[in-house]
């Protein structure tokens, strides 16, 4: 009976040994190998046009760093329009408002919960810094603020900078700051409708 069990076990294990396939033996393409599948006979495929290797990205220019010739950029290197400002507001509300508040006054939920109060973006110092400085703070962090270089894409960082500038301008805006052709629209929006209750 013992011999029968041993023989039965060996017979059951024999097919399993025949099915073994190591990684090195499985079908795969090898660098610079040949292939009958592709018309050019090569296994390696040509690199698509415009491909940039991760380690070869040129991210040392002023657009990616916020500085040129050792000085912060004094202008936003993108066209500032309503689309960029809306994107900046959206990103600001997601990443910045928990600390700085939706108006940028530093009274976000972090401050309301008793943690360190973040910077008020409407101070004279922050109103006078160049846009490149704000960009670098977003990218690299400053003081207790962590860096957002990995979370926020380059264009979105500049969009946030543009939106922060819009927030700063809105705090002290006057009617004379609005272009003449748009002042009438603002006045009409603030006028009560005819027949409306006062």
N, C-alpha and C. Protein backbone atom coordinates (compact mmCIF):
# COMPACT_ATOMS: atom_id res chain seq x y z
N UNK A 1 0.82 -1.19 0.00
CA UNK A 1 0.00 0.00 0.00
C UNK A 1 0.87 1.26 0.00
N UNK A 2 1.95 1.23 0.74
CA UNK A 2 2.85 2.38 0.81
C UNK A 2 3.50 2.61 -0.55
N UNK A 3 3.87 1.56 -1.24
CA UNK A 3 4.49 1.68 -2.56
C UNK A 3 3.49 2.27 -3.55
N UNK A 4 2.23 1.87 -3.45
CA UNK A 4 1.20 2.39 -4.34
C UNK A 4 1.05 3.91 -4.17
N UNK A 5 1.05 4.39 -2.92
CA UNK A 5 0.93 5.82 -2.65
C UNK A 5 2.12 6.58 -3.21
N UNK A 6 3.30 6.02 -3.07
CA UNK A 6 4.50 6.69 -3.57
C UNK A 6 4.44 6.79 -5.09
N UNK A 7 4.08 5.70 -5.75
CA UNK A 7 4.00 5.70 -7.22
C UNK A 7 2.90 6.67 -7.68
N UNK A 8 1.76 6.70 -7.01
CA UNK A 8 0.66 7.59 -7.38
C UNK A 8 1.08 9.05 -7.21
N UNK A 9 1.79 9.34 -6.14
CA UNK A 9 2.27 10.71 -5.91
C UNK A 9 3.24 11.11 -6.99
N UNK A 10 4.18 10.26 -7.36
CA UNK A 10 5.15 10.56 -8.41
C UNK A 10 4.45 10.76 -9.76
N UNK A 11 3.46 9.94 -10.03
CA UNK A 11 2.73 10.09 -11.28
C UNK A 11 1.96 11.42 -11.33
N UNK A 12 1.44 11.87 -10.19
CA UNK A 12 0.74 13.16 -10.13
C UNK A 12 1.71 14.34 -10.26
N UNK A 13 2.91 14.20 -9.72
CA UNK A 13 3.90 15.28 -9.77
C UNK A 13 4.59 15.37 -11.13
N UNK A 14 4.67 14.27 -11.86
CA UNK A 14 5.36 14.24 -13.15
C UNK A 14 4.79 15.26 -14.14
N UNK A 15 3.47 15.38 -14.33
CA UNK A 15 2.96 16.39 -15.28
C UNK A 15 3.28 17.82 -14.84
N UNK A 16 3.32 18.06 -13.53
CA UNK A 16 3.63 19.40 -13.04
C UNK A 16 5.05 19.79 -13.39
N UNK A 17 5.98 18.87 -13.36
CA UNK A 17 7.37 19.16 -13.72
C UNK A 17 7.49 19.46 -15.21
N UNK A 18 6.66 18.83 -16.01
CA UNK A 18 6.73 19.05 -17.45
C UNK A 18 6.16 20.41 -17.84
N UNK A 19 5.31 21.03 -17.02
CA UNK A 19 4.68 22.32 -17.33
C UNK A 19 5.53 23.50 -16.88
N UNK A 20 6.63 23.27 -16.25
CA UNK A 20 7.45 24.37 -15.73
C UNK A 20 7.97 25.23 -16.87
N UNK A 21 7.84 26.54 -16.71
CA UNK A 21 8.36 27.46 -17.71
C UNK A 21 8.96 28.64 -16.97
N UNK A 22 10.25 28.75 -17.01
CA UNK A 22 10.94 29.83 -16.33
C UNK A 22 10.74 31.14 -17.09
N UNK A 23 10.95 32.25 -16.39
CA UNK A 23 10.80 33.56 -17.00
C UNK A 23 11.71 33.73 -18.21
N UNK A 24 12.92 33.25 -18.08
CA UNK A 24 13.86 33.44 -19.19
C UNK A 24 13.49 32.62 -20.42
N UNK A 25 12.61 31.63 -20.27
CA UNK A 25 12.24 30.78 -21.40
C UNK A 25 10.93 31.21 -22.06
N UNK A 26 10.20 32.15 -21.46
CA UNK A 26 8.92 32.51 -22.04
C UNK A 26 9.11 33.42 -23.25
N UNK A 27 8.15 33.45 -24.16
CA UNK A 27 8.31 34.27 -25.36
C UNK A 27 8.30 35.75 -25.01
N UNK A 28 9.25 36.48 -25.57
CA UNK A 28 9.35 37.93 -25.33
C UNK A 28 10.26 38.53 -26.38
N UNK A 29 10.16 39.84 -26.52
CA UNK A 29 11.07 40.55 -27.43
C UNK A 29 12.35 40.88 -26.69
N UNK A 30 13.46 40.77 -27.39
CA UNK A 30 14.76 41.09 -26.81
C UNK A 30 15.32 42.31 -27.54
N UNK A 31 16.05 43.18 -26.83
CA UNK A 31 16.62 44.37 -27.49
C UNK A 31 17.47 43.97 -28.69
N UNK A 32 17.28 44.68 -29.79
CA UNK A 32 18.03 44.49 -31.04
C UNK A 32 17.86 43.10 -31.64
N UNK A 33 16.81 42.40 -31.22
CA UNK A 33 16.53 41.08 -31.80
C UNK A 33 15.76 41.21 -33.10
N UNK A 34 15.51 40.10 -33.73
CA UNK A 34 14.75 40.11 -34.98
C UNK A 34 13.33 39.63 -34.74
N UNK A 35 12.45 40.03 -35.64
CA UNK A 35 11.06 39.65 -35.52
C UNK A 35 10.47 39.45 -36.91
N UNK A 36 9.69 38.41 -37.06
CA UNK A 36 8.99 38.19 -38.32
C UNK A 36 7.64 38.90 -38.30
N UNK A 37 7.24 39.41 -37.15
CA UNK A 37 5.93 40.06 -37.01
C UNK A 37 5.92 41.43 -37.68
N UNK A 38 6.98 42.23 -37.43
CA UNK A 38 7.04 43.59 -37.96
C UNK A 38 7.68 43.61 -39.34
N UNK A 39 7.22 44.50 -40.19
CA UNK A 39 7.69 44.55 -41.58
C UNK A 39 9.18 44.87 -41.68
N UNK A 40 9.69 45.67 -40.73
CA UNK A 40 11.11 46.02 -40.81
C UNK A 40 12.02 44.95 -40.21
N UNK A 41 11.44 43.89 -39.67
CA UNK A 41 12.21 42.76 -39.15
C UNK A 41 12.88 43.01 -37.80
N UNK A 42 12.59 44.15 -37.16
CA UNK A 42 13.22 44.45 -35.86
C UNK A 42 12.21 44.27 -34.73
N UNK A 43 12.71 43.82 -33.59
CA UNK A 43 11.85 43.75 -32.40
C UNK A 43 11.69 45.13 -31.78
N UNK A 44 12.79 45.90 -31.70
CA UNK A 44 12.74 47.24 -31.11
C UNK A 44 11.96 48.16 -32.03
N UNK A 45 11.04 48.91 -31.46
CA UNK A 45 10.22 49.81 -32.26
C UNK A 45 10.81 51.21 -32.25
N UNK A 46 10.64 51.95 -33.33
CA UNK A 46 11.15 53.33 -33.35
C UNK A 46 10.47 54.18 -32.29
N UNK A 47 11.19 55.14 -31.74
CA UNK A 47 10.63 56.03 -30.71
C UNK A 47 9.70 57.03 -31.40
N UNK A 48 8.48 57.21 -30.89
CA UNK A 48 7.54 58.16 -31.50
C UNK A 48 8.10 59.59 -31.48
N UNK A 49 7.77 60.35 -32.50
CA UNK A 49 8.23 61.74 -32.59
C UNK A 49 7.73 62.53 -31.39
N UNK A 50 8.58 63.39 -30.84
CA UNK A 50 8.21 64.24 -29.71
C UNK A 50 8.36 63.59 -28.35
N UNK A 51 8.83 62.35 -28.31
CA UNK A 51 9.00 61.66 -27.03
C UNK A 51 10.18 62.24 -26.27
N UNK A 52 9.98 62.47 -24.98
CA UNK A 52 11.05 63.00 -24.13
C UNK A 52 11.27 62.02 -22.99
N UNK A 53 12.50 61.56 -22.82
CA UNK A 53 12.80 60.67 -21.72
C UNK A 53 12.64 61.42 -20.41
N UNK A 54 12.17 60.75 -19.38
CA UNK A 54 11.92 61.40 -18.09
C UNK A 54 13.17 62.07 -17.54
N UNK A 55 14.31 61.45 -17.73
CA UNK A 55 15.54 62.02 -17.18
C UNK A 55 16.19 63.05 -18.10
N UNK A 56 15.57 63.34 -19.24
CA UNK A 56 16.13 64.31 -20.16
C UNK A 56 15.25 65.54 -20.31
N UNK A 57 14.26 65.71 -19.47
CA UNK A 57 13.38 66.87 -19.54
C UNK A 57 14.17 68.13 -19.20
N UNK A 58 14.07 69.12 -20.04
CA UNK A 58 14.75 70.38 -19.79
C UNK A 58 13.87 71.23 -18.88
N UNK A 59 14.06 71.08 -17.59
CA UNK A 59 13.24 71.83 -16.64
C UNK A 59 14.06 72.87 -15.89
N UNK A 60 15.12 73.34 -16.52
CA UNK A 60 15.95 74.37 -15.89
C UNK A 60 15.75 75.73 -16.52
N UNK A 61 14.82 75.84 -17.47
CA UNK A 61 14.56 77.14 -18.09
C UNK A 61 13.70 77.99 -17.16
N UNK A 62 13.52 79.26 -17.50
CA UNK A 62 12.81 80.19 -16.62
C UNK A 62 11.34 79.82 -16.46
N UNK A 63 10.74 79.19 -17.46
CA UNK A 63 9.33 78.79 -17.36
C UNK A 63 9.14 77.76 -16.26
N UNK A 64 10.11 76.85 -16.09
CA UNK A 64 10.01 75.80 -15.08
C UNK A 64 10.57 76.21 -13.72
N UNK A 65 11.41 77.23 -13.67
CA UNK A 65 12.03 77.62 -12.40
C UNK A 65 11.47 78.91 -11.83
N UNK A 66 10.89 79.77 -12.66
CA UNK A 66 10.38 81.05 -12.19
C UNK A 66 11.45 82.10 -12.06
N UNK A 67 12.65 81.81 -12.57
CA UNK A 67 13.76 82.76 -12.47
C UNK A 67 14.57 82.74 -13.76
N UNK A 68 15.25 83.86 -14.01
CA UNK A 68 16.16 83.97 -15.14
C UNK A 68 17.33 84.85 -14.73
N UNK A 69 18.53 84.40 -15.05
CA UNK A 69 19.75 85.14 -14.72
C UNK A 69 19.84 85.48 -13.23
N UNK A 70 19.41 84.55 -12.39
CA UNK A 70 19.52 84.73 -10.95
C UNK A 70 18.47 85.64 -10.34
N UNK A 71 17.47 86.05 -11.10
CA UNK A 71 16.42 86.94 -10.58
C UNK A 71 15.06 86.32 -10.88
N UNK A 72 14.11 86.58 -9.99
CA UNK A 72 12.74 86.10 -10.20
C UNK A 72 12.13 86.75 -11.44
N UNK A 73 11.31 85.98 -12.16
CA UNK A 73 10.61 86.56 -13.31
C UNK A 73 9.65 87.63 -12.83
N UNK A 74 9.63 88.76 -13.53
CA UNK A 74 8.74 89.84 -13.12
C UNK A 74 7.45 89.87 -13.94
N UNK A 75 7.25 88.83 -14.76
CA UNK A 75 6.00 88.71 -15.53
C UNK A 75 5.63 87.24 -15.63
N UNK A 76 4.36 86.97 -15.75
CA UNK A 76 3.87 85.60 -15.91
C UNK A 76 4.11 85.19 -17.36
N UNK A 77 4.82 84.08 -17.60
CA UNK A 77 5.20 83.72 -18.98
C UNK A 77 4.09 83.04 -19.79
N UNK A 78 2.86 83.22 -19.41
CA UNK A 78 1.72 82.69 -20.15
C UNK A 78 0.77 83.85 -20.45
N UNK A 79 -0.08 83.65 -21.46
CA UNK A 79 -1.09 84.66 -21.74
C UNK A 79 -2.12 84.62 -20.62
N UNK A 80 -2.26 85.74 -19.94
CA UNK A 80 -3.22 85.82 -18.83
C UNK A 80 -4.57 86.23 -19.40
N UNK A 81 -5.49 85.29 -19.39
CA UNK A 81 -6.85 85.54 -19.87
C UNK A 81 -7.82 84.90 -18.89
N UNK A 82 -9.11 85.01 -19.20
CA UNK A 82 -10.11 84.48 -18.26
C UNK A 82 -9.99 82.97 -18.09
N UNK A 83 -9.59 82.26 -19.15
CA UNK A 83 -9.43 80.81 -19.05
C UNK A 83 -8.33 80.46 -18.05
N UNK A 84 -7.20 81.16 -18.12
CA UNK A 84 -6.09 80.91 -17.19
C UNK A 84 -6.51 81.28 -15.76
N UNK A 85 -7.22 82.38 -15.60
CA UNK A 85 -7.66 82.80 -14.27
C UNK A 85 -8.66 81.82 -13.66
N UNK A 86 -9.56 81.29 -14.48
CA UNK A 86 -10.52 80.29 -13.97
C UNK A 86 -9.78 79.02 -13.55
N UNK A 87 -8.80 78.61 -14.35
CA UNK A 87 -8.01 77.43 -13.97
C UNK A 87 -7.24 77.72 -12.69
N UNK A 88 -6.68 78.90 -12.57
CA UNK A 88 -5.95 79.28 -11.37
C UNK A 88 -6.84 79.29 -10.14
N UNK A 89 -8.07 79.79 -10.29
CA UNK A 89 -9.01 79.79 -9.18
C UNK A 89 -9.35 78.36 -8.76
N UNK A 90 -9.58 77.51 -9.74
CA UNK A 90 -9.90 76.11 -9.44
C UNK A 90 -8.76 75.44 -8.68
N UNK A 91 -7.53 75.62 -9.15
CA UNK A 91 -6.37 75.01 -8.50
C UNK A 91 -6.11 75.66 -7.13
N UNK A 92 -6.30 76.97 -7.03
CA UNK A 92 -6.13 77.68 -5.76
C UNK A 92 -7.12 77.14 -4.73
N UNK A 93 -8.37 76.98 -5.13
CA UNK A 93 -9.39 76.47 -4.21
C UNK A 93 -9.06 75.06 -3.72
N UNK A 94 -8.43 74.26 -4.58
CA UNK A 94 -8.09 72.89 -4.19
C UNK A 94 -6.86 72.85 -3.29
N UNK A 95 -5.78 73.49 -3.73
CA UNK A 95 -4.49 73.33 -3.05
C UNK A 95 -4.17 74.42 -2.03
N UNK A 96 -4.63 75.64 -2.25
CA UNK A 96 -4.19 76.77 -1.43
C UNK A 96 -5.21 77.22 -0.39
N UNK A 97 -6.49 77.17 -0.73
CA UNK A 97 -7.51 77.71 0.17
C UNK A 97 -7.62 77.00 1.51
N UNK A 98 -7.30 75.70 1.64
CA UNK A 98 -7.37 75.11 2.98
C UNK A 98 -6.51 75.85 4.00
N UNK A 99 -5.42 76.43 3.55
CA UNK A 99 -4.56 77.19 4.46
C UNK A 99 -4.79 78.69 4.33
N UNK A 100 -4.73 79.20 3.09
CA UNK A 100 -4.77 80.65 2.86
C UNK A 100 -6.19 81.21 2.81
N UNK A 101 -7.20 80.36 2.79
CA UNK A 101 -8.58 80.84 2.68
C UNK A 101 -8.92 81.15 1.24
N UNK A 102 -10.20 81.17 0.92
CA UNK A 102 -10.61 81.40 -0.47
C UNK A 102 -10.30 82.80 -0.95
N UNK A 103 -10.18 83.75 -0.03
CA UNK A 103 -9.85 85.12 -0.43
C UNK A 103 -8.37 85.41 -0.29
N UNK A 104 -7.60 84.45 0.21
CA UNK A 104 -6.16 84.64 0.35
C UNK A 104 -5.74 85.39 1.60
N UNK A 105 -6.66 85.54 2.56
CA UNK A 105 -6.36 86.32 3.76
C UNK A 105 -5.68 85.51 4.87
N UNK A 106 -5.40 84.23 4.61
CA UNK A 106 -4.74 83.39 5.62
C UNK A 106 -5.67 82.79 6.64
N UNK A 107 -6.97 82.91 6.43
CA UNK A 107 -7.95 82.43 7.39
C UNK A 107 -8.67 81.18 6.87
N UNK A 108 -7.89 80.22 6.38
CA UNK A 108 -8.47 78.97 5.90
C UNK A 108 -8.78 78.04 7.06
N UNK A 109 -9.18 76.84 6.72
CA UNK A 109 -9.55 75.85 7.75
C UNK A 109 -8.38 75.50 8.66
N UNK A 110 -7.16 75.54 8.13
CA UNK A 110 -5.98 75.24 8.95
C UNK A 110 -5.88 76.24 10.10
N UNK A 111 -6.03 77.51 9.79
CA UNK A 111 -5.96 78.54 10.83
C UNK A 111 -7.15 78.43 11.78
N UNK A 112 -8.32 78.10 11.25
CA UNK A 112 -9.51 77.98 12.09
C UNK A 112 -9.44 76.79 13.04
N UNK A 113 -8.58 75.82 12.72
CA UNK A 113 -8.41 74.66 13.58
C UNK A 113 -7.28 74.85 14.59
N UNK A 114 -6.71 76.04 14.62
CA UNK A 114 -5.72 76.35 15.64
C UNK A 114 -4.29 76.06 15.26
N UNK A 115 -4.04 75.70 14.01
CA UNK A 115 -2.66 75.47 13.59
C UNK A 115 -2.03 76.79 13.18
N UNK A 116 -0.77 76.74 12.80
CA UNK A 116 -0.04 77.96 12.44
C UNK A 116 -0.78 78.72 11.34
N UNK A 117 -0.94 80.02 11.55
CA UNK A 117 -1.67 80.84 10.59
C UNK A 117 -0.80 81.09 9.36
N UNK A 118 -1.29 80.73 8.18
CA UNK A 118 -0.52 80.93 6.95
C UNK A 118 -0.44 82.41 6.58
N UNK A 119 0.37 82.70 5.59
CA UNK A 119 0.57 84.08 5.16
C UNK A 119 -0.71 84.66 4.57
N UNK A 120 -0.93 85.94 4.87
CA UNK A 120 -2.00 86.71 4.24
C UNK A 120 -1.43 87.19 2.91
N UNK A 121 -2.02 86.78 1.81
CA UNK A 121 -1.49 87.12 0.48
C UNK A 121 -1.71 88.57 0.11
N UNK A 122 -2.40 89.33 0.97
CA UNK A 122 -2.70 90.73 0.68
C UNK A 122 -1.77 91.70 1.40
N UNK A 123 -0.73 91.20 2.04
CA UNK A 123 0.21 92.10 2.70
C UNK A 123 1.01 92.88 1.64
N UNK A 124 1.52 94.04 2.03
CA UNK A 124 2.30 94.86 1.10
C UNK A 124 3.50 94.09 0.57
N UNK A 125 4.14 93.29 1.42
CA UNK A 125 5.32 92.54 1.00
C UNK A 125 4.96 91.56 -0.12
N UNK A 126 3.89 90.78 0.06
CA UNK A 126 3.53 89.79 -0.95
C UNK A 126 2.89 90.41 -2.19
N UNK A 127 2.33 91.60 -2.05
CA UNK A 127 1.81 92.29 -3.23
C UNK A 127 2.94 92.82 -4.10
N UNK A 128 4.10 93.05 -3.49
CA UNK A 128 5.20 93.64 -4.24
C UNK A 128 6.22 92.63 -4.77
N UNK A 129 6.12 91.37 -4.35
CA UNK A 129 7.08 90.37 -4.85
C UNK A 129 6.78 90.05 -6.31
N UNK A 130 7.81 89.70 -7.08
CA UNK A 130 7.56 89.34 -8.48
C UNK A 130 6.83 88.01 -8.61
N UNK A 131 6.14 87.79 -9.72
CA UNK A 131 5.43 86.52 -9.93
C UNK A 131 6.33 85.29 -9.82
N UNK A 132 7.59 85.42 -10.23
CA UNK A 132 8.52 84.29 -10.14
C UNK A 132 8.74 83.83 -8.71
N UNK A 133 8.68 84.77 -7.76
CA UNK A 133 8.82 84.43 -6.35
C UNK A 133 7.64 83.56 -5.91
N UNK A 134 6.41 83.99 -6.25
CA UNK A 134 5.22 83.22 -5.89
C UNK A 134 5.28 81.83 -6.51
N UNK A 135 5.74 81.76 -7.76
CA UNK A 135 5.86 80.48 -8.45
C UNK A 135 6.82 79.55 -7.69
N UNK A 136 7.97 80.09 -7.28
CA UNK A 136 8.95 79.27 -6.57
C UNK A 136 8.44 78.82 -5.20
N UNK A 137 7.67 79.65 -4.54
CA UNK A 137 7.09 79.24 -3.25
C UNK A 137 6.12 78.08 -3.45
N UNK A 138 5.32 78.15 -4.50
CA UNK A 138 4.40 77.04 -4.80
C UNK A 138 5.20 75.78 -5.10
N UNK A 139 6.22 75.93 -5.91
CA UNK A 139 7.00 74.76 -6.35
C UNK A 139 7.84 74.17 -5.23
N UNK A 140 8.54 75.02 -4.47
CA UNK A 140 9.54 74.55 -3.50
C UNK A 140 9.11 74.65 -2.05
N UNK A 141 8.03 75.36 -1.77
CA UNK A 141 7.61 75.57 -0.39
C UNK A 141 8.38 76.73 0.23
N UNK A 142 7.92 77.14 1.42
CA UNK A 142 8.58 78.23 2.14
C UNK A 142 8.12 78.18 3.59
N UNK A 143 9.07 78.20 4.51
CA UNK A 143 8.72 78.14 5.93
C UNK A 143 7.95 76.87 6.25
N UNK A 144 6.78 77.04 6.87
CA UNK A 144 5.97 75.87 7.23
C UNK A 144 5.19 75.31 6.05
N UNK A 145 5.17 76.05 4.94
CA UNK A 145 4.43 75.57 3.77
C UNK A 145 5.27 74.54 3.02
N UNK A 146 4.68 73.40 2.76
CA UNK A 146 5.36 72.36 2.00
C UNK A 146 5.41 72.69 0.53
N UNK A 147 6.22 71.93 -0.21
CA UNK A 147 6.32 72.16 -1.64
C UNK A 147 5.19 71.44 -2.37
N UNK A 148 4.75 72.03 -3.46
CA UNK A 148 3.70 71.45 -4.29
C UNK A 148 4.21 71.14 -5.69
N UNK A 149 5.53 71.06 -5.85
CA UNK A 149 6.12 70.80 -7.16
C UNK A 149 5.68 69.49 -7.76
N UNK A 150 5.44 68.48 -6.94
CA UNK A 150 5.02 67.18 -7.46
C UNK A 150 3.52 67.10 -7.68
N UNK A 151 2.74 67.90 -6.97
CA UNK A 151 1.28 67.81 -7.08
C UNK A 151 0.71 68.74 -8.15
N UNK A 152 1.33 69.90 -8.35
CA UNK A 152 0.76 70.89 -9.25
C UNK A 152 1.64 71.02 -10.49
N UNK A 153 1.06 70.86 -11.65
CA UNK A 153 1.81 70.95 -12.91
C UNK A 153 2.28 72.38 -13.15
N UNK A 154 3.26 72.52 -14.01
CA UNK A 154 3.89 73.82 -14.25
C UNK A 154 2.88 74.88 -14.70
N UNK A 155 2.07 74.58 -15.70
CA UNK A 155 1.09 75.57 -16.17
C UNK A 155 0.10 75.95 -15.08
N UNK A 156 -0.27 74.97 -14.26
CA UNK A 156 -1.20 75.26 -13.16
C UNK A 156 -0.56 76.12 -12.08
N UNK A 157 0.75 75.98 -11.87
CA UNK A 157 1.43 76.86 -10.91
C UNK A 157 1.34 78.30 -11.37
N UNK A 158 1.59 78.51 -12.67
CA UNK A 158 1.50 79.88 -13.21
C UNK A 158 0.06 80.37 -13.17
N UNK A 159 -0.91 79.49 -13.38
CA UNK A 159 -2.32 79.88 -13.30
C UNK A 159 -2.66 80.33 -11.88
N UNK A 160 -2.13 79.63 -10.89
CA UNK A 160 -2.36 80.03 -9.49
C UNK A 160 -1.75 81.39 -9.22
N UNK A 161 -0.53 81.61 -9.73
CA UNK A 161 0.13 82.91 -9.55
C UNK A 161 -0.74 84.01 -10.15
N UNK A 162 -1.27 83.78 -11.36
CA UNK A 162 -2.13 84.78 -12.00
C UNK A 162 -3.38 85.03 -11.15
N UNK A 163 -3.96 83.97 -10.60
CA UNK A 163 -5.15 84.14 -9.78
C UNK A 163 -4.84 84.87 -8.48
N UNK A 164 -3.69 84.59 -7.88
CA UNK A 164 -3.29 85.31 -6.66
C UNK A 164 -3.16 86.80 -6.96
N UNK A 165 -2.58 87.13 -8.11
CA UNK A 165 -2.47 88.54 -8.50
C UNK A 165 -3.86 89.15 -8.68
N UNK A 166 -4.79 88.40 -9.25
CA UNK A 166 -6.16 88.90 -9.41
C UNK A 166 -6.81 89.11 -8.05
N UNK A 167 -6.60 88.18 -7.12
CA UNK A 167 -7.12 88.36 -5.75
C UNK A 167 -6.56 89.62 -5.12
N UNK A 168 -5.25 89.82 -5.28
CA UNK A 168 -4.61 91.00 -4.69
C UNK A 168 -5.16 92.28 -5.31
N UNK A 169 -5.36 92.29 -6.62
CA UNK A 169 -5.91 93.48 -7.27
C UNK A 169 -7.34 93.72 -6.85
N UNK A 170 -8.11 92.67 -6.65
CA UNK A 170 -9.53 92.83 -6.33
C UNK A 170 -9.73 93.44 -4.95
N UNK A 171 -8.78 93.27 -4.06
CA UNK A 171 -8.92 93.78 -2.70
C UNK A 171 -8.99 95.31 -2.69
N UNK A 172 -8.23 95.96 -3.54
CA UNK A 172 -8.19 97.43 -3.57
C UNK A 172 -8.70 98.01 -4.89
N UNK A 173 -9.52 97.27 -5.60
CA UNK A 173 -9.99 97.73 -6.91
C UNK A 173 -10.95 98.90 -6.76
N UNK A 174 -10.87 99.81 -7.72
CA UNK A 174 -11.76 100.96 -7.78
C UNK A 174 -12.46 100.94 -9.15
N UNK A 175 -13.52 101.66 -9.26
CA UNK A 175 -14.27 101.71 -10.51
C UNK A 175 -13.40 102.22 -11.64
N UNK A 176 -12.50 103.15 -11.36
CA UNK A 176 -11.62 103.70 -12.39
C UNK A 176 -10.63 102.65 -12.92
N UNK A 177 -10.41 101.55 -12.18
CA UNK A 177 -9.51 100.48 -12.64
C UNK A 177 -10.15 99.63 -13.73
N UNK A 178 -11.48 99.70 -13.85
CA UNK A 178 -12.20 98.90 -14.84
C UNK A 178 -12.15 99.65 -16.17
N UNK A 179 -11.87 98.96 -17.28
CA UNK A 179 -11.87 99.64 -18.59
C UNK A 179 -13.19 100.36 -18.83
N UNK A 180 -13.12 101.51 -19.48
CA UNK A 180 -14.29 102.38 -19.67
C UNK A 180 -15.44 101.64 -20.34
N UNK A 181 -15.13 100.79 -21.33
CA UNK A 181 -16.21 100.10 -22.05
C UNK A 181 -16.93 99.06 -21.20
N UNK A 182 -16.37 98.69 -20.05
CA UNK A 182 -17.01 97.70 -19.18
C UNK A 182 -17.62 98.32 -17.93
N UNK A 183 -17.38 99.59 -17.70
CA UNK A 183 -17.93 100.25 -16.50
C UNK A 183 -19.45 100.28 -16.52
N UNK A 184 -20.02 100.53 -17.70
CA UNK A 184 -21.48 100.56 -17.82
C UNK A 184 -22.10 99.24 -17.43
N UNK A 185 -21.43 98.16 -17.78
CA UNK A 185 -21.94 96.83 -17.43
C UNK A 185 -21.95 96.64 -15.92
N UNK A 186 -20.91 97.11 -15.23
CA UNK A 186 -20.87 97.00 -13.77
C UNK A 186 -21.95 97.85 -13.14
N UNK A 187 -22.13 99.06 -13.66
CA UNK A 187 -23.15 99.95 -13.10
C UNK A 187 -24.53 99.36 -13.28
N UNK A 188 -24.79 98.77 -14.46
CA UNK A 188 -26.11 98.18 -14.72
C UNK A 188 -26.39 97.01 -13.80
N UNK A 189 -25.36 96.23 -13.48
CA UNK A 189 -25.55 95.07 -12.61
C UNK A 189 -25.89 95.50 -11.19
N UNK A 190 -25.41 96.68 -10.79
CA UNK A 190 -25.64 97.13 -9.41
C UNK A 190 -26.93 97.95 -9.26
N UNK A 191 -27.58 98.30 -10.38
CA UNK A 191 -28.81 99.08 -10.32
C UNK A 191 -29.99 98.17 -10.02
N UNK A 192 -30.94 98.62 -9.20
CA UNK A 192 -32.14 97.80 -8.94
C UNK A 192 -32.99 97.73 -10.21
N UNK A 193 -33.64 96.60 -10.40
CA UNK A 193 -34.52 96.40 -11.55
C UNK A 193 -35.77 97.26 -11.39
N UNK A 194 -36.31 97.68 -12.54
CA UNK A 194 -37.53 98.49 -12.49
C UNK A 194 -38.66 97.67 -11.86
N UNK A 195 -39.39 98.27 -10.93
CA UNK A 195 -40.51 97.61 -10.28
C UNK A 195 -40.08 96.68 -9.16
N UNK A 196 -38.78 96.58 -8.90
CA UNK A 196 -38.32 95.70 -7.82
C UNK A 196 -38.55 96.39 -6.49
N UNK A 197 -38.82 95.60 -5.46
CA UNK A 197 -39.02 96.13 -4.12
C UNK A 197 -37.74 96.71 -3.60
N UNK A 198 -37.82 97.83 -2.92
CA UNK A 198 -36.62 98.47 -2.39
C UNK A 198 -36.51 98.26 -0.91
